[in-house]
Amino acid sequence: MRHPLLLQVGNTNARLARETPHGIAVRRSFTVQKLRELGPDIFPAGDLFVCSVIPELTARLQESSGRFIHFASARDDLGFEISQAMKNHGRVGVDRLLGLAGALRLGLRPPLVVVDAGTACTLNVIDDRHRFCGGVIAPGVGAFADYLADRTATLPRLRPRRISTDSPIVGSDTRTAIASAVVHGFPAMVRGLIERIRSEHGGRRLRVAITGGARRLLAESIERVDLMEENLVLYGLADLARKIPRT
């Protein structure tokens, strides 16, 4: 049986993919704005499994007919429990949960933390009892670069991908001083959060997975990374697709 289409809609970008015998194959990538303009008719016919963090686009996709569509949620069987101590666990971002499901699918065992460094940077934890117990939500690397330009009159806007990771810690001018906060400060924040999580959940046994656009920037500064995978959320979505009966 042919594998269904997988759609991941993030805050900034969307990706359409399919699982293959060799892993996840991304068929098309586009901005969320482009998805708004084109609508759901751009997707070929067939079963579709969706991870969406944008309610407006979720609603538009729900209105499309003539195909089987499943929207991943906290109610699905993702391979782990959600701790009863969590408040409003039904409102946890499904991308956070699917990232954890993807890490399990690829062989990482709890206790583990998945760092998803996208528009937002989230750190999500499964404890040694196989329960999702929460995490941390912080600004993504883009926010580090954009915040000062957005909130001040004269400071420049830097594009993170154009900043050299060899930037000195002490900048010699305004641009290199901001660059230091991006390439050194952002990873230092994440590294410090991982260490605090490690002290509370598993110590040296805690496994670390990294996904998202800034994953390579982070991997260079974290002492031990057990898994670095661009398509971690899509792997979690593909694993869910195997469990959902379709008619």
C-alpha atoms as a PDB file:
ATOM      1  CA  MET A   1       0.000   0.000   0.000  1.00  0.00           C
ATOM      2  CA  ARG A   2       1.301   3.442  -0.907  1.00  0.00           C
ATOM      3  CA  HIS A   3       2.287   5.633   1.996  1.00  0.00           C
ATOM      4  CA  PRO A   4       0.055   8.695   2.596  1.00  0.00           C
ATOM      5  CA  LEU A   5       1.137  12.280   2.111  1.00  0.00           C
ATOM      6  CA  LEU A   6       2.481  14.068   5.175  1.00  0.00           C
ATOM      7  CA  LEU A   7       2.001  17.817   5.638  1.00  0.00           C
ATOM      8  CA  GLN A   8       3.889  19.791   8.280  1.00  0.00           C
ATOM      9  CA  VAL A   9       2.692  23.388   8.673  1.00  0.00           C
ATOM     10  CA  GLY A  10       4.956  25.433  10.926  1.00  0.00           C
ATOM     11  CA  ASN A  11       4.827  29.094  11.865  1.00  0.00           C
ATOM     12  CA  THR A  12       6.885  30.178   8.861  1.00  0.00           C
ATOM     13  CA  ASN A  13       7.215  27.291   6.399  1.00  0.00           C
ATOM     14  CA  ALA A  14       5.299  24.211   5.286  1.00  0.00           C
ATOM     15  CA  ARG A  15       6.549  20.924   3.837  1.00  0.00           C
ATOM     16  CA  LEU A  16       4.792  18.169   1.955  1.00  0.00           C
ATOM     17  CA  ALA A  17       6.443  14.759   2.230  1.00  0.00           C
ATOM     18  CA  ARG A  18       5.989  11.024   1.923  1.00  0.00           C
ATOM     19  CA  GLU A  19       7.651   8.144   3.728  1.00  0.00           C
ATOM     20  CA  THR A  20       9.749   5.892   1.496  1.00  0.00           C
ATOM     21  CA  PRO A  21      11.777   2.732   2.176  1.00  0.00           C
ATOM     22  CA  HIS A  22      14.791   5.046   2.531  1.00  0.00           C
ATOM     23  CA  GLY A  23      13.208   7.502   4.967  1.00  0.00           C
ATOM     24  CA  ILE A  24      11.251  10.721   4.626  1.00  0.00           C
ATOM     25  CA  ALA A  25      11.248  12.305   1.171  1.00  0.00           C
ATOM     26  CA  VAL A  26      10.175  15.969   1.109  1.00  0.00           C
ATOM     27  CA  ARG A  27       8.251  16.548  -2.110  1.00  0.00           C
ATOM     28  CA  ARG A  28       7.664  20.262  -1.809  1.00  0.00           C
ATOM     29  CA  SER A  29       8.523  23.136   0.510  1.00  0.00           C
ATOM     30  CA  PHE A  30       6.826  26.526   0.558  1.00  0.00           C
ATOM     31  CA  THR A  31       6.147  29.436   2.878  1.00  0.00           C
ATOM     32  CA  VAL A  32       3.024  29.509   4.986  1.00  0.00           C
ATOM     33  CA  GLN A  33       2.008  32.670   3.119  1.00  0.00           C
ATOM     34  CA  LYS A  34       2.200  30.745  -0.164  1.00  0.00           C
ATOM     35  CA  LEU A  35       0.033  28.011   1.342  1.00  0.00           C
ATOM     36  CA  ARG A  36      -2.535  30.651   2.311  1.00  0.00           C
ATOM     37  CA  GLU A  37      -2.606  31.945  -1.253  1.00  0.00           C
ATOM     38  CA  LEU A  38      -2.829  28.571  -2.981  1.00  0.00           C
ATOM     39  CA  GLY A  39      -5.142  26.764  -0.577  1.00  0.00           C
ATOM     40  CA  PRO A  40      -5.579  23.006  -0.102  1.00  0.00           C
ATOM     41  CA  ASP A  41      -6.169  22.306  -3.809  1.00  0.00           C
ATOM     42  CA  ILE A  42      -2.401  22.250  -4.418  1.00  0.00           C
ATOM     43  CA  PHE A  43      -2.126  18.808  -2.821  1.00  0.00           C
ATOM     44  CA  PRO A  44      -2.489  15.726  -5.013  1.00  0.00           C
ATOM     45  CA  ALA A  45      -5.301  13.322  -4.319  1.00  0.00           C
ATOM     46  CA  GLY A  46      -4.766  10.675  -1.662  1.00  0.00           C
ATOM     47  CA  ASP A  47      -4.705  10.257   2.089  1.00  0.00           C
ATOM     48  CA  LEU A  48      -3.205  13.179   3.990  1.00  0.00           C
ATOM     49  CA  PHE A  49      -1.828  13.344   7.537  1.00  0.00           C
ATOM     50  CA  VAL A  50      -1.365  16.852   8.881  1.00  0.00           C
ATOM     51  CA  CYS A  51       0.657  18.513  11.630  1.00  0.00           C
ATOM     52  CA  SER A  52      -0.432  22.161  11.724  1.00  0.00           C
ATOM     53  CA  VAL A  53       0.261  24.868  14.292  1.00  0.00           C
ATOM     54  CA  ILE A  54      -1.827  27.510  12.481  1.00  0.00           C
ATOM     55  CA  PRO A  55      -5.564  27.217  13.315  1.00  0.00           C
ATOM     56  CA  GLU A  56      -6.646  29.251  10.287  1.00  0.00           C
ATOM     57  CA  LEU A  57      -4.966  26.857   7.846  1.00  0.00           C
ATOM     58  CA  THR A  58      -6.127  23.829   9.819  1.00  0.00           C
ATOM     59  CA  ALA A  59      -9.715  25.039   9.390  1.00  0.00           C
ATOM     60  CA  ARG A  60      -9.252  25.521   5.629  1.00  0.00           C
ATOM     61  CA  LEU A  61      -7.842  22.032   5.236  1.00  0.00           C
ATOM     62  CA  GLN A  62     -10.709  20.580   7.256  1.00  0.00           C
ATOM     63  CA  GLU A  63     -13.120  22.036   4.728  1.00  0.00           C
ATOM     64  CA  SER A  64     -11.519  20.233   1.796  1.00  0.00           C
ATOM     65  CA  SER A  65     -13.397  17.124   0.708  1.00  0.00           C
ATOM     66  CA  GLY A  66     -12.884  14.011  -1.375  1.00  0.00           C
ATOM     67  CA  ARG A  67      -9.968  12.551   0.589  1.00  0.00           C
ATOM     68  CA  PHE A  68      -9.082  11.051   3.954  1.00  0.00           C
ATOM     69  CA  ILE A  69      -7.441  13.691   6.180  1.00  0.00           C
ATOM     70  CA  HIS A  70      -6.211  13.128   9.720  1.00  0.00           C
ATOM     71  CA  PHE A  71      -5.048  16.045  11.870  1.00  0.00           C
ATOM     72  CA  ALA A  72      -2.565  14.904  14.492  1.00  0.00           C
ATOM     73  CA  SER A  73      -3.411  15.860  18.074  1.00  0.00           C
ATOM     74  CA  ALA A  74      -2.577  15.077  21.692  1.00  0.00           C
ATOM     75  CA  ARG A  75      -5.398  12.522  21.648  1.00  0.00           C
ATOM     76  CA  ASP A  76      -3.539  10.266  19.194  1.00  0.00           C
ATOM     77  CA  ASP A  77      -1.393   7.255  20.080  1.00  0.00           C
ATOM     78  CA  LEU A  78       2.073   8.789  19.790  1.00  0.00           C
ATOM     79  CA  GLY A  79       4.003   6.061  21.593  1.00  0.00           C
ATOM     80  CA  PHE A  80       4.129   7.725  25.010  1.00  0.00           C
ATOM     81  CA  GLU A  81       1.802   8.986  27.717  1.00  0.00           C
ATOM     82  CA  ILE A  82       1.195  12.595  28.682  1.00  0.00           C
ATOM     83  CA  SER A  83       1.771  13.250  32.364  1.00  0.00           C
ATOM     84  CA  GLN A  84      -1.424  13.906  34.281  1.00  0.00           C
ATOM     85  CA  ALA A  85       0.441  16.625  36.135  1.00  0.00           C
ATOM     86  CA  MET A  86       0.423  18.764  32.987  1.00  0.00           C
ATOM     87  CA  LYS A  87      -2.224  21.474  32.817  1.00  0.00           C
ATOM     88  CA  ASN A  88      -4.277  21.761  29.611  1.00  0.00           C
ATOM     89  CA  HIS A  89      -2.216  19.016  28.002  1.00  0.00           C
ATOM     90  CA  GLY A  90      -4.727  18.859  25.145  1.00  0.00           C
ATOM     91  CA  ARG A  91      -3.487  22.272  24.021  1.00  0.00           C
ATOM     92  CA  VAL A  92       0.183  21.304  23.740  1.00  0.00           C
ATOM     93  CA  GLY A  93       1.513  22.104  20.264  1.00  0.00           C
ATOM     94  CA  VAL A  94       1.193  18.928  18.231  1.00  0.00           C
ATOM     95  CA  ASP A  95       4.536  19.600  16.533  1.00  0.00           C
ATOM     96  CA  ARG A  96       6.210  19.301  19.947  1.00  0.00           C
ATOM     97  CA  LEU A  97       4.606  15.901  20.496  1.00  0.00           C
ATOM     98  CA  LEU A  98       5.375  14.621  17.006  1.00  0.00           C
ATOM     99  CA  GLY A  99       9.028  15.601  17.370  1.00  0.00           C
ATOM    100  CA  LEU A 100       9.184  13.311  20.396  1.00  0.00           C
ATOM    101  CA  ALA A 101       7.342  10.560  18.506  1.00  0.00           C
ATOM    102  CA  GLY A 102       9.875  10.922  15.687  1.00  0.00           C
ATOM    103  CA  ALA A 103      12.790  10.560  18.106  1.00  0.00           C
ATOM    104  CA  LEU A 104      11.267   7.354  19.484  1.00  0.00           C
ATOM    105  CA  ARG A 105      10.644   6.096  15.953  1.00  0.00           C
ATOM    106  CA  LEU A 106      14.322   6.578  15.126  1.00  0.00           C
ATOM    107  CA  GLY A 107      15.453   4.607  18.151  1.00  0.00           C
ATOM    108  CA  LEU A 108      16.084   7.169  20.887  1.00  0.00           C
ATOM    109  CA  ARG A 109      15.060   5.850  24.290  1.00  0.00           C
ATOM    110  CA  PRO A 110      13.831   7.875  27.285  1.00  0.00           C
ATOM    111  CA  PRO A 111      14.730   9.872  29.181  1.00  0.00           C
ATOM    112  CA  LEU A 112      15.161  12.239  26.251  1.00  0.00           C
ATOM    113  CA  VAL A 113      14.829  15.855  25.233  1.00  0.00           C
ATOM    114  CA  VAL A 114      13.991  17.022  21.730  1.00  0.00           C
ATOM    115  CA  VAL A 115      15.161  20.509  20.802  1.00  0.00           C
ATOM    116  CA  ASP A 116      13.212  21.993  17.886  1.00  0.00           C
ATOM    117  CA  ALA A 117      14.999  25.158  16.804  1.00  0.00           C
ATOM    118  CA  GLY A 118      12.545  26.834  14.450  1.00  0.00           C
ATOM    119  CA  THR A 119      10.651  30.129  14.618  1.00  0.00           C
ATOM    120  CA  ALA A 120      10.245  29.280  18.273  1.00  0.00           C
ATOM    121  CA  CYS A 121      12.776  27.093  20.037  1.00  0.00           C
ATOM    122  CA  THR A 122      11.161  24.354  22.101  1.00  0.00           C
ATOM    123  CA  LEU A 123      12.738  21.756  24.372  1.00  0.00           C
ATOM    124  CA  ASN A 124      10.405  18.838  25.054  1.00  0.00           C
ATOM    125  CA  VAL A 125      11.004  16.019  27.528  1.00  0.00           C
ATOM    126  CA  ILE A 126       9.967  12.385  27.916  1.00  0.00           C
ATOM    127  CA  ASP A 127      10.989  11.105  31.326  1.00  0.00           C
ATOM    128  CA  ASP A 128      12.264   7.661  32.273  1.00  0.00           C
ATOM    129  CA  ARG A 129       8.671   6.513  32.856  1.00  0.00           C
ATOM    130  CA  HIS A 130       7.889   7.136  29.186  1.00  0.00           C
ATOM    131  CA  ARG A 131       5.759  10.202  29.914  1.00  0.00           C
ATOM    132  CA  PHE A 132       5.791  13.586  28.221  1.00  0.00           C
ATOM    133  CA  CYS A 133       6.233  15.865  31.205  1.00  0.00           C
ATOM    134  CA  GLY A 134       6.498  19.262  29.484  1.00  0.00           C
ATOM    135  CA  GLY A 135       9.320  21.448  28.319  1.00  0.00           C
ATOM    136  CA  VAL A 136      10.538  24.940  27.539  1.00  0.00           C
ATOM    137  CA  ILE A 137       9.389  27.439  24.888  1.00  0.00           C
ATOM    138  CA  ALA A 138      11.869  30.171  23.972  1.00  0.00           C
ATOM    139  CA  PRO A 139      12.424  32.580  21.067  1.00  0.00           C
ATOM    140  CA  GLY A 140      14.061  31.013  18.023  1.00  0.00           C
ATOM    141  CA  VAL A 141      17.352  32.173  16.570  1.00  0.00           C
ATOM    142  CA  GLY A 142      15.530  34.488  14.165  1.00  0.00           C
ATOM    143  CA  ALA A 143      14.017  36.353  17.108  1.00  0.00           C
ATOM    144  CA  PHE A 144      17.524  36.982  18.457  1.00  0.00           C
ATOM    145  CA  ALA A 145      18.415  38.611  15.146  1.00  0.00           C
ATOM    146  CA  ASP A 146      15.138  40.500  14.654  1.00  0.00           C
ATOM    147  CA  TYR A 147      14.221  41.786  18.092  1.00  0.00           C
ATOM    148  CA  LEU A 148      16.594  44.729  18.292  1.00  0.00           C
ATOM    149  CA  ALA A 149      15.839  45.864  14.742  1.00  0.00           C
ATOM    150  CA  ASP A 150      12.110  45.716  15.492  1.00  0.00           C
ATOM    151  CA  ARG A 151      12.303  47.554  18.818  1.00  0.00           C
ATOM    152  CA  THR A 152      14.963  50.191  18.169  1.00  0.00           C
ATOM    153  CA  ALA A 153      15.372  53.022  15.676  1.00  0.00           C
ATOM    154  CA  THR A 154      18.910  52.452  14.416  1.00  0.00           C
ATOM    155  CA  LEU A 155      20.108  48.916  15.079  1.00  0.00           C
ATOM    156  CA  PRO A 156      20.390  46.766  11.930  1.00  0.00           C
ATOM    157  CA  ARG A 157      18.565  43.555  11.084  1.00  0.00           C
ATOM    158  CA  LEU A 158      20.817  40.523  10.579  1.00  0.00           C
ATOM    159  CA  ARG A 159      19.931  37.340   8.727  1.00  0.00           C
ATOM    160  CA  PRO A 160      21.073  34.396  10.890  1.00  0.00           C
ATOM    161  CA  ARG A 161      22.099  32.261   7.914  1.00  0.00           C
ATOM    162  CA  ARG A 162      24.532  34.934   6.781  1.00  0.00           C
ATOM    163  CA  ILE A 163      26.245  35.246  10.148  1.00  0.00           C
ATOM    164  CA  SER A 164      29.525  33.382  10.419  1.00  0.00           C
ATOM    165  CA  THR A 165      29.758  30.937  13.287  1.00  0.00           C
ATOM    166  CA  ASP A 166      33.333  32.190  13.690  1.00  0.00           C
ATOM    167  CA  SER A 167      32.078  35.590  14.851  1.00  0.00           C
ATOM    168  CA  PRO A 168      34.102  36.790  17.868  1.00  0.00           C
ATOM    169  CA  ILE A 169      32.433  36.800  21.248  1.00  0.00           C
ATOM    170  CA  VAL A 170      33.269  40.492  21.648  1.00  0.00           C
ATOM    171  CA  GLY A 171      32.050  42.364  18.578  1.00  0.00           C
ATOM    172  CA  SER A 172      34.160  45.213  17.202  1.00  0.00           C
ATOM    173  CA  ASP A 173      31.162  47.099  15.783  1.00  0.00           C
ATOM    174  CA  THR A 174      27.380  47.108  16.035  1.00  0.00           C
ATOM    175  CA  ARG A 175      26.791  44.306  13.531  1.00  0.00           C
ATOM    176  CA  THR A 176      29.371  41.939  14.996  1.00  0.00           C
ATOM    177  CA  ALA A 177      28.127  42.685  18.525  1.00  0.00           C
ATOM    178  CA  ILE A 178      24.603  41.612  17.495  1.00  0.00           C
ATOM    179  CA  ALA A 179      26.056  38.641  15.601  1.00  0.00           C
ATOM    180  CA  SER A 180      27.723  37.487  18.807  1.00  0.00           C
ATOM    181  CA  ALA A 181      24.355  37.335  20.571  1.00  0.00           C
ATOM    182  CA  VAL A 182      22.967  35.244  17.717  1.00  0.00           C
ATOM    183  CA  VAL A 183      25.756  32.692  17.208  1.00  0.00           C
ATOM    184  CA  HIS A 184      26.997  32.519  20.802  1.00  0.00           C
ATOM    185  CA  GLY A 185      24.145  33.712  23.012  1.00  0.00           C
ATOM    186  CA  PHE A 186      21.371  31.617  21.467  1.00  0.00           C
ATOM    187  CA  PRO A 187      23.313  28.312  21.667  1.00  0.00           C
ATOM    188  CA  ALA A 188      24.453  29.186  25.202  1.00  0.00           C
ATOM    189  CA  MET A 189      20.820  29.623  26.241  1.00  0.00           C
ATOM    190  CA  VAL A 190      19.829  26.241  24.803  1.00  0.00           C
ATOM    191  CA  ARG A 191      22.912  24.514  26.228  1.00  0.00           C
ATOM    192  CA  GLY A 192      22.140  25.908  29.668  1.00  0.00           C
ATOM    193  CA  LEU A 193      18.528  24.751  29.461  1.00  0.00           C
ATOM    194  CA  ILE A 194      19.609  21.239  28.466  1.00  0.00           C
ATOM    195  CA  GLU A 195      21.955  21.088  31.436  1.00  0.00           C
ATOM    196  CA  ARG A 196      19.157  22.127  33.798  1.00  0.00           C
ATOM    197  CA  ILE A 197      16.862  19.498  32.267  1.00  0.00           C
ATOM    198  CA  ARG A 198      19.636  16.904  32.585  1.00  0.00           C
ATOM    199  CA  SER A 199      19.997  17.662  36.284  1.00  0.00           C
ATOM    200  CA  GLU A 200      16.285  16.918  36.809  1.00  0.00           C
ATOM    201  CA  HIS A 201      15.703  14.122  34.295  1.00  0.00           C
ATOM    202  CA  GLY A 202      18.130  11.259  33.985  1.00  0.00           C
ATOM    203  CA  GLY A 203      21.500  12.913  34.431  1.00  0.00           C
ATOM    204  CA  ARG A 204      24.031  11.488  31.967  1.00  0.00           C
ATOM    205  CA  ARG A 205      21.381   9.059  30.710  1.00  0.00           C
ATOM    206  CA  LEU A 206      19.382  11.913  29.144  1.00  0.00           C
ATOM    207  CA  ARG A 207      19.492  11.631  25.358  1.00  0.00           C
ATOM    208  CA  VAL A 208      19.391  14.731  23.170  1.00  0.00           C
ATOM    209  CA  ALA A 209      17.832  15.109  19.718  1.00  0.00           C
ATOM    210  CA  ILE A 210      17.910  18.296  17.661  1.00  0.00           C
ATOM    211  CA  THR A 211      15.708  19.329  14.746  1.00  0.00           C
ATOM    212  CA  GLY A 212      14.676  22.597  13.103  1.00  0.00           C
ATOM    213  CA  GLY A 213      16.403  25.156  10.920  1.00  0.00           C
ATOM    214  CA  ALA A 214      19.056  26.155  13.483  1.00  0.00           C
ATOM    215  CA  ARG A 215      19.978  22.579  14.402  1.00  0.00           C
ATOM    216  CA  ARG A 216      23.560  22.781  13.088  1.00  0.00           C
ATOM    217  CA  LEU A 217      24.267  25.997  14.972  1.00  0.00           C
ATOM    218  CA  LEU A 218      23.153  24.301  18.181  1.00  0.00           C
ATOM    219  CA  ALA A 219      24.888  20.982  17.549  1.00  0.00           C
ATOM    220  CA  GLU A 220      28.275  22.689  17.483  1.00  0.00           C
ATOM    221  CA  SER A 221      27.861  23.979  21.019  1.00  0.00           C
ATOM    222  CA  ILE A 222      26.180  21.061  22.822  1.00  0.00           C
ATOM    223  CA  GLU A 223      28.481  18.515  24.419  1.00  0.00           C
ATOM    224  CA  ARG A 224      26.602  15.406  23.309  1.00  0.00           C
ATOM    225  CA  VAL A 225      23.931  15.130  20.621  1.00  0.00           C
ATOM    226  CA  ASP A 226      22.491  11.645  20.130  1.00  0.00           C
ATOM    227  CA  LEU A 227      20.349  12.450  17.084  1.00  0.00           C
ATOM    228  CA  MET A 228      20.225  15.339  14.637  1.00  0.00           C
ATOM    229  CA  GLU A 229      17.419  15.002  12.100  1.00  0.00           C
ATOM    230  CA  GLU A 230      15.777  17.660   9.936  1.00  0.00           C
ATOM    231  CA  ASN A 231      12.564  15.650   9.451  1.00  0.00           C
ATOM    232  CA  LEU A 232      11.921  14.581  13.027  1.00  0.00           C
ATOM    233  CA  VAL A 233       8.323  15.879  13.118  1.00  0.00           C
ATOM    234  CA  LEU A 234       7.575  14.219   9.771  1.00  0.00           C
ATOM    235  CA  TYR A 235       8.954  10.907  11.083  1.00  0.00           C
ATOM    236  CA  GLY A 236       6.557  11.220  14.017  1.00  0.00           C
ATOM    237  CA  LEU A 237       3.695  11.969  11.628  1.00  0.00           C
ATOM    238  CA  ALA A 238       4.615   8.965   9.462  1.00  0.00           C
ATOM    239  CA  ASP A 239       4.671   6.736  12.532  1.00  0.00           C
ATOM    240  CA  LEU A 240       1.191   7.967  13.471  1.00  0.00           C
ATOM    241  CA  ALA A 241      -0.048   7.306   9.936  1.00  0.00           C
ATOM    242  CA  ARG A 242       0.827   3.622  10.379  1.00  0.00           C
ATOM    243  CA  LYS A 243      -1.493   3.400  13.371  1.00  0.00           C
ATOM    244  CA  ILE A 244      -4.591   5.143  11.990  1.00  0.00           C
ATOM    245  CA  PRO A 245      -7.079   2.965  10.062  1.00  0.00           C
ATOM    246  CA  ARG A 246      -8.208   4.507   6.774  1.00  0.00           C
ATOM    247  CA  THR A 247     -11.272   3.755   4.712  1.00  0.00           C
END
